Amino acid sequence: MNAQELIKDIRSFCESHADPEIVQKYARYFKEGYDAYGLPSGEFMAKVKDLLASNTFTVETVVESSYELMKSEKYELPSFAMQLLKGFSNQFTKDTFTVIEHWFPVGIRNWAHTDGLCSELLSPMIQKKIITMKDFAPWRKSNYRFQRRAVPVALIKSVKKSPDVMPYLDFLDPMMMDTERVVHQGLGWFLREAWKVHPIQVETFLMKWKNDAARLIFQYATEKMAKEERLRFRRNQNP
């Protein structure tokens, strides 16, 4: 099966299993808009497994098809690209990171695909030492907001296992004045999870930024703190 045949197969499957009620159900979670077939999650994953089990294409075929799948505004098609690539995780190299990097200008356009990409592909690549935190350095200033969001989100699993949080905080420090809400959410999520393991260092970091960085970062970062502790991180409050 070549790339065009794979894409045709996936599109045909999505069209024949579309469910408008599912589209209605999930649309409210996507402020950017939600254009989807409404494919049931069980049927989606079953199709992914069937395709991978067929052994009729290679990882190169998946990579080639992924760029067209990513271009589609239909929610499920980029999801297929990510899950099919995941199926070849034992063949991942640094070049795989470059492929993923090229997806953002093409079509990563919502939080769900971004966070799924981090959880399913990027975080495991960090754990396997295929890539390191330094590889994300150019992403911090990307023109694409979801690529910037991916930086802190991809690092969550790593920081929870790290004995030292400071390299992570230093790495994310240049992003704390980002102007995009989706990036604020990602940073806040990272800081909340890092705080669970390294509370003193994260609180010091938050105190440094409390009068300047977006409040949404702090809303997320302090979510698990006691109410009186959260009050410390209001703007213009004494430590």
Protein backbone atom coordinates (compact mmCIF):
# COMPACT_ATOMS: atom_id res chain seq x y z
CA MET A 1 0.00 0.00 0.00
CA ASN A 2 1.46 3.37 -0.97
CA ALA A 3 0.77 6.70 0.73
CA GLN A 4 -2.13 7.72 -1.50
CA GLU A 5 -3.81 4.34 -1.07
CA LEU A 6 -3.43 4.60 2.69
CA ILE A 7 -4.96 8.08 2.73
CA LYS A 8 -7.85 6.95 0.53
CA ASP A 9 -8.51 3.99 2.81
CA ILE A 10 -8.57 6.20 5.91
CA ARG A 11 -10.83 8.83 4.33
CA SER A 12 -13.25 6.19 3.11
CA PHE A 13 -13.41 4.61 6.55
CA CYS A 14 -14.07 7.96 8.23
CA GLU A 15 -16.82 8.87 5.78
CA SER A 16 -18.59 5.54 6.22
CA HIS A 17 -18.46 5.69 10.03
CA ALA A 18 -19.30 9.37 10.53
CA ASP A 19 -21.63 10.31 13.37
CA PRO A 20 -22.89 13.93 13.54
CA GLU A 21 -24.04 13.45 17.14
CA ILE A 22 -20.46 12.83 18.24
CA VAL A 23 -19.38 16.02 16.48
CA GLN A 24 -22.03 17.94 18.43
CA LYS A 25 -20.97 16.32 21.69
CA TYR A 26 -17.31 17.35 21.49
CA ALA A 27 -17.51 20.67 19.63
CA ARG A 28 -17.84 22.64 22.87
CA TYR A 29 -14.34 21.64 23.95
CA PHE A 30 -12.68 23.34 20.97
CA LYS A 31 -12.64 27.13 20.91
CA GLU A 32 -10.73 27.00 17.63
CA GLY A 33 -13.62 25.13 16.01
CA TYR A 34 -14.22 21.41 15.60
CA ASP A 35 -14.55 20.05 12.08
CA ALA A 36 -14.82 16.28 12.39
CA TYR A 37 -16.41 13.17 10.97
CA GLY A 38 -17.57 12.14 14.44
CA LEU A 39 -15.78 8.82 14.36
CA PRO A 40 -16.42 6.76 17.54
CA SER A 41 -13.16 6.35 19.49
CA GLY A 42 -13.48 2.57 19.64
CA GLU A 43 -13.86 2.30 15.89
CA PHE A 44 -11.00 4.74 15.35
CA MET A 45 -8.57 2.68 17.45
CA ALA A 46 -9.78 -0.59 15.92
CA LYS A 47 -9.05 0.79 12.45
CA VAL A 48 -5.57 1.90 13.52
CA LYS A 49 -4.84 -1.58 14.87
CA ASP A 50 -6.16 -3.22 11.72
CA LEU A 51 -4.03 -1.02 9.49
CA LEU A 52 -0.88 -1.67 11.52
CA ALA A 53 -1.59 -5.40 11.68
CA SER A 54 -1.94 -5.59 7.91
CA ASN A 55 1.81 -5.05 7.43
CA THR A 56 1.08 -3.56 4.02
CA PHE A 57 3.06 -0.32 4.48
CA THR A 58 6.24 0.99 6.07
CA VAL A 59 7.07 3.84 8.40
CA GLU A 60 8.21 5.77 5.32
CA THR A 61 4.69 5.38 3.90
CA VAL A 62 3.21 6.74 7.13
CA VAL A 63 5.56 9.72 7.10
CA GLU A 64 4.73 10.49 3.48
CA SER A 65 0.99 10.25 4.08
CA SER A 66 1.17 12.20 7.33
CA TYR A 67 1.69 15.57 5.68
CA GLU A 68 -1.52 15.31 3.67
CA LEU A 69 -3.43 13.90 6.62
CA MET A 70 -2.21 16.80 8.75
CA LYS A 71 -3.42 19.33 6.20
CA SER A 72 -7.00 18.18 6.61
CA GLU A 73 -9.25 20.18 8.92
CA LYS A 74 -11.14 16.99 9.74
CA TYR A 75 -10.11 16.17 13.29
CA GLU A 76 -9.65 12.45 12.79
CA LEU A 77 -7.16 12.56 9.91
CA PRO A 78 -4.24 14.10 11.85
CA SER A 79 -5.14 11.68 14.65
CA PHE A 80 -4.63 8.77 12.25
CA ALA A 81 -1.23 10.15 11.25
CA MET A 82 -0.11 10.32 14.89
CA GLN A 83 -1.39 6.89 15.88
CA LEU A 84 0.02 5.19 12.80
CA LEU A 85 3.41 6.75 13.39
CA LYS A 86 3.25 5.62 17.01
CA GLY A 87 2.84 2.09 15.70
CA PHE A 88 6.41 2.29 14.41
CA SER A 89 7.89 3.67 17.65
CA ASN A 90 10.58 1.00 17.67
CA GLN A 91 11.98 2.65 14.53
CA PHE A 92 12.01 6.21 15.85
CA THR A 93 15.15 8.27 15.32
CA LYS A 94 16.07 11.93 15.52
CA ASP A 95 14.62 12.22 12.01
CA THR A 96 11.22 11.32 13.46
CA PHE A 97 11.43 14.44 15.61
CA THR A 98 12.04 16.48 12.46
CA VAL A 99 8.95 14.96 10.85
CA ILE A 100 6.84 15.93 13.87
CA GLU A 101 8.38 19.41 13.83
CA HIS A 102 7.15 19.86 10.25
CA TRP A 103 3.59 18.96 11.22
CA PHE A 104 2.96 22.23 13.06
CA PRO A 105 3.07 24.55 10.04
CA VAL A 106 0.97 22.02 8.13
CA GLY A 107 -1.88 21.34 10.48
CA ILE A 108 -1.52 20.93 14.27
CA ARG A 109 -4.24 23.42 15.11
CA ASN A 110 -5.84 22.45 18.43
CA TRP A 111 -4.92 21.59 22.00
CA ALA A 112 -6.03 17.95 21.79
CA HIS A 113 -3.72 17.06 18.92
CA THR A 114 -0.89 18.98 20.57
CA ASP A 115 -1.26 17.26 23.92
CA GLY A 116 -1.77 13.85 22.33
CA LEU A 117 1.35 14.38 20.26
CA CYS A 118 3.30 15.19 23.42
CA SER A 119 1.99 12.24 25.38
CA GLU A 120 2.07 9.60 22.65
CA LEU A 121 5.17 10.57 20.67
CA LEU A 122 7.37 13.31 22.10
CA SER A 123 7.51 12.32 25.77
CA PRO A 124 8.39 8.70 24.95
CA MET A 125 11.15 9.94 22.64
CA ILE A 126 12.60 11.93 25.53
CA GLN A 127 12.38 8.91 27.84
CA LYS A 128 14.22 6.80 25.26
CA LYS A 129 16.87 9.55 24.91
CA ILE A 130 16.20 9.92 21.19
CA ILE A 131 15.77 13.63 21.86
CA THR A 132 16.55 15.91 24.79
CA MET A 133 15.07 19.07 26.21
CA LYS A 134 17.58 21.13 24.21
CA ASP A 135 16.00 19.94 20.97
CA PHE A 136 12.91 21.97 21.87
CA ALA A 137 14.85 25.23 22.21
CA PRO A 138 13.78 26.66 18.79
CA TRP A 139 10.17 25.74 19.52
CA ARG A 140 10.01 28.25 22.36
CA LYS A 141 9.90 31.08 19.80
CA SER A 142 7.96 29.29 17.08
CA ASN A 143 5.43 31.27 15.05
CA TYR A 144 2.94 28.49 15.81
CA ARG A 145 1.30 28.76 19.21
CA PHE A 146 0.59 25.06 19.53
CA GLN A 147 4.22 24.26 18.85
CA ARG A 148 5.13 26.58 21.71
CA ARG A 149 2.52 24.91 23.93
CA ALA A 150 4.10 21.55 23.14
CA VAL A 151 7.36 22.53 24.84
CA PRO A 152 6.16 22.48 28.48
CA VAL A 153 3.61 19.74 27.87
CA ALA A 154 6.19 17.38 26.35
CA LEU A 155 8.41 17.85 29.41
CA ILE A 156 5.84 16.96 32.06
CA LYS A 157 6.60 13.25 32.28
CA SER A 158 10.34 13.92 32.41
CA VAL A 159 10.24 16.52 35.16
CA LYS A 160 8.17 14.22 37.36
CA LYS A 161 11.01 11.69 37.24
CA SER A 162 13.87 14.17 37.49
CA PRO A 163 15.76 14.79 40.76
CA ASP A 164 16.48 18.36 39.63
CA VAL A 165 13.77 20.72 38.41
CA MET A 166 16.00 23.77 37.92
CA PRO A 167 17.19 22.96 34.36
CA TYR A 168 13.53 22.72 33.34
CA LEU A 169 12.56 26.00 34.99
CA ASP A 170 15.54 27.76 33.42
CA PHE A 171 14.60 26.33 30.04
CA LEU A 172 10.97 27.52 30.26
CA ASP A 173 11.79 30.89 31.80
CA PRO A 174 11.96 32.65 28.38
CA MET A 175 8.39 31.53 27.66
CA MET A 176 6.74 33.06 30.71
CA MET A 177 5.75 36.23 28.87
CA ASP A 178 4.17 34.42 25.93
CA THR A 179 0.95 36.12 24.82
CA GLU A 180 -1.13 33.06 23.87
CA ARG A 181 -3.73 31.47 26.15
CA VAL A 182 -2.99 27.93 24.94
CA VAL A 183 0.68 28.41 25.89
CA HIS A 184 -0.29 29.77 29.31
CA GLN A 185 -2.33 26.62 29.89
CA GLY A 186 0.59 24.41 28.92
CA LEU A 187 3.03 26.26 31.16
CA GLY A 188 0.62 26.22 34.08
CA TRP A 189 0.00 22.51 33.63
CA PHE A 190 3.75 21.82 33.62
CA LEU A 191 4.33 23.95 36.73
CA ARG A 192 1.48 22.28 38.61
CA GLU A 193 2.91 18.83 37.94
CA ALA A 194 6.47 19.95 38.70
CA TRP A 195 5.28 21.52 41.97
CA LYS A 196 3.98 18.14 43.16
CA VAL A 197 7.56 16.83 43.07
CA HIS A 198 9.64 19.98 43.62
CA PRO A 199 7.40 22.42 45.55
CA ILE A 200 10.05 24.76 46.97
CA GLN A 201 11.82 25.44 43.67
CA VAL A 202 8.59 25.84 41.73
CA GLU A 203 7.12 28.23 44.30
CA THR A 204 10.27 30.34 44.13
CA PHE A 205 9.95 30.41 40.35
CA LEU A 206 6.30 31.41 40.55
CA MET A 207 7.06 34.14 43.05
CA LYS A 208 9.60 35.58 40.61
CA TRP A 209 6.95 35.86 37.88
CA LYS A 210 3.79 36.57 39.86
CA ASN A 211 3.58 40.28 38.99
CA ASP A 212 4.35 39.91 35.29
CA ALA A 213 3.27 36.60 33.77
CA ALA A 214 -0.30 35.81 32.70
CA ARG A 215 -2.66 34.98 35.54
CA LEU A 216 -3.89 31.87 33.74
CA ILE A 217 -0.46 30.30 34.26
CA PHE A 218 -0.88 30.76 38.00
CA GLN A 219 -4.46 29.55 37.97
CA TYR A 220 -3.27 26.23 36.59
CA ALA A 221 0.02 26.09 38.49
CA THR A 222 -1.51 26.66 41.94
CA GLU A 223 -4.65 24.59 41.38
CA LYS A 224 -3.61 21.85 43.83
CA MET A 225 -2.39 24.21 46.54
CA ALA A 226 -4.42 25.05 49.63
CA LYS A 227 -6.44 28.26 49.29
CA GLU A 228 -4.20 30.23 51.65
CA GLU A 229 -1.15 29.11 49.72
CA ARG A 230 -2.64 30.23 46.40
CA LEU A 231 -3.18 33.71 47.81
CA ARG A 232 0.59 34.17 48.09
CA PHE A 233 0.82 34.25 44.30
CA ARG A 234 -1.61 37.07 43.68
CA ARG A 235 -0.14 40.14 42.06
CA ASN A 236 1.39 42.69 44.42
CA GLN A 237 1.03 40.47 47.47
CA ASN A 238 3.82 39.98 49.97
CA PRO A 239 5.43 36.51 50.03
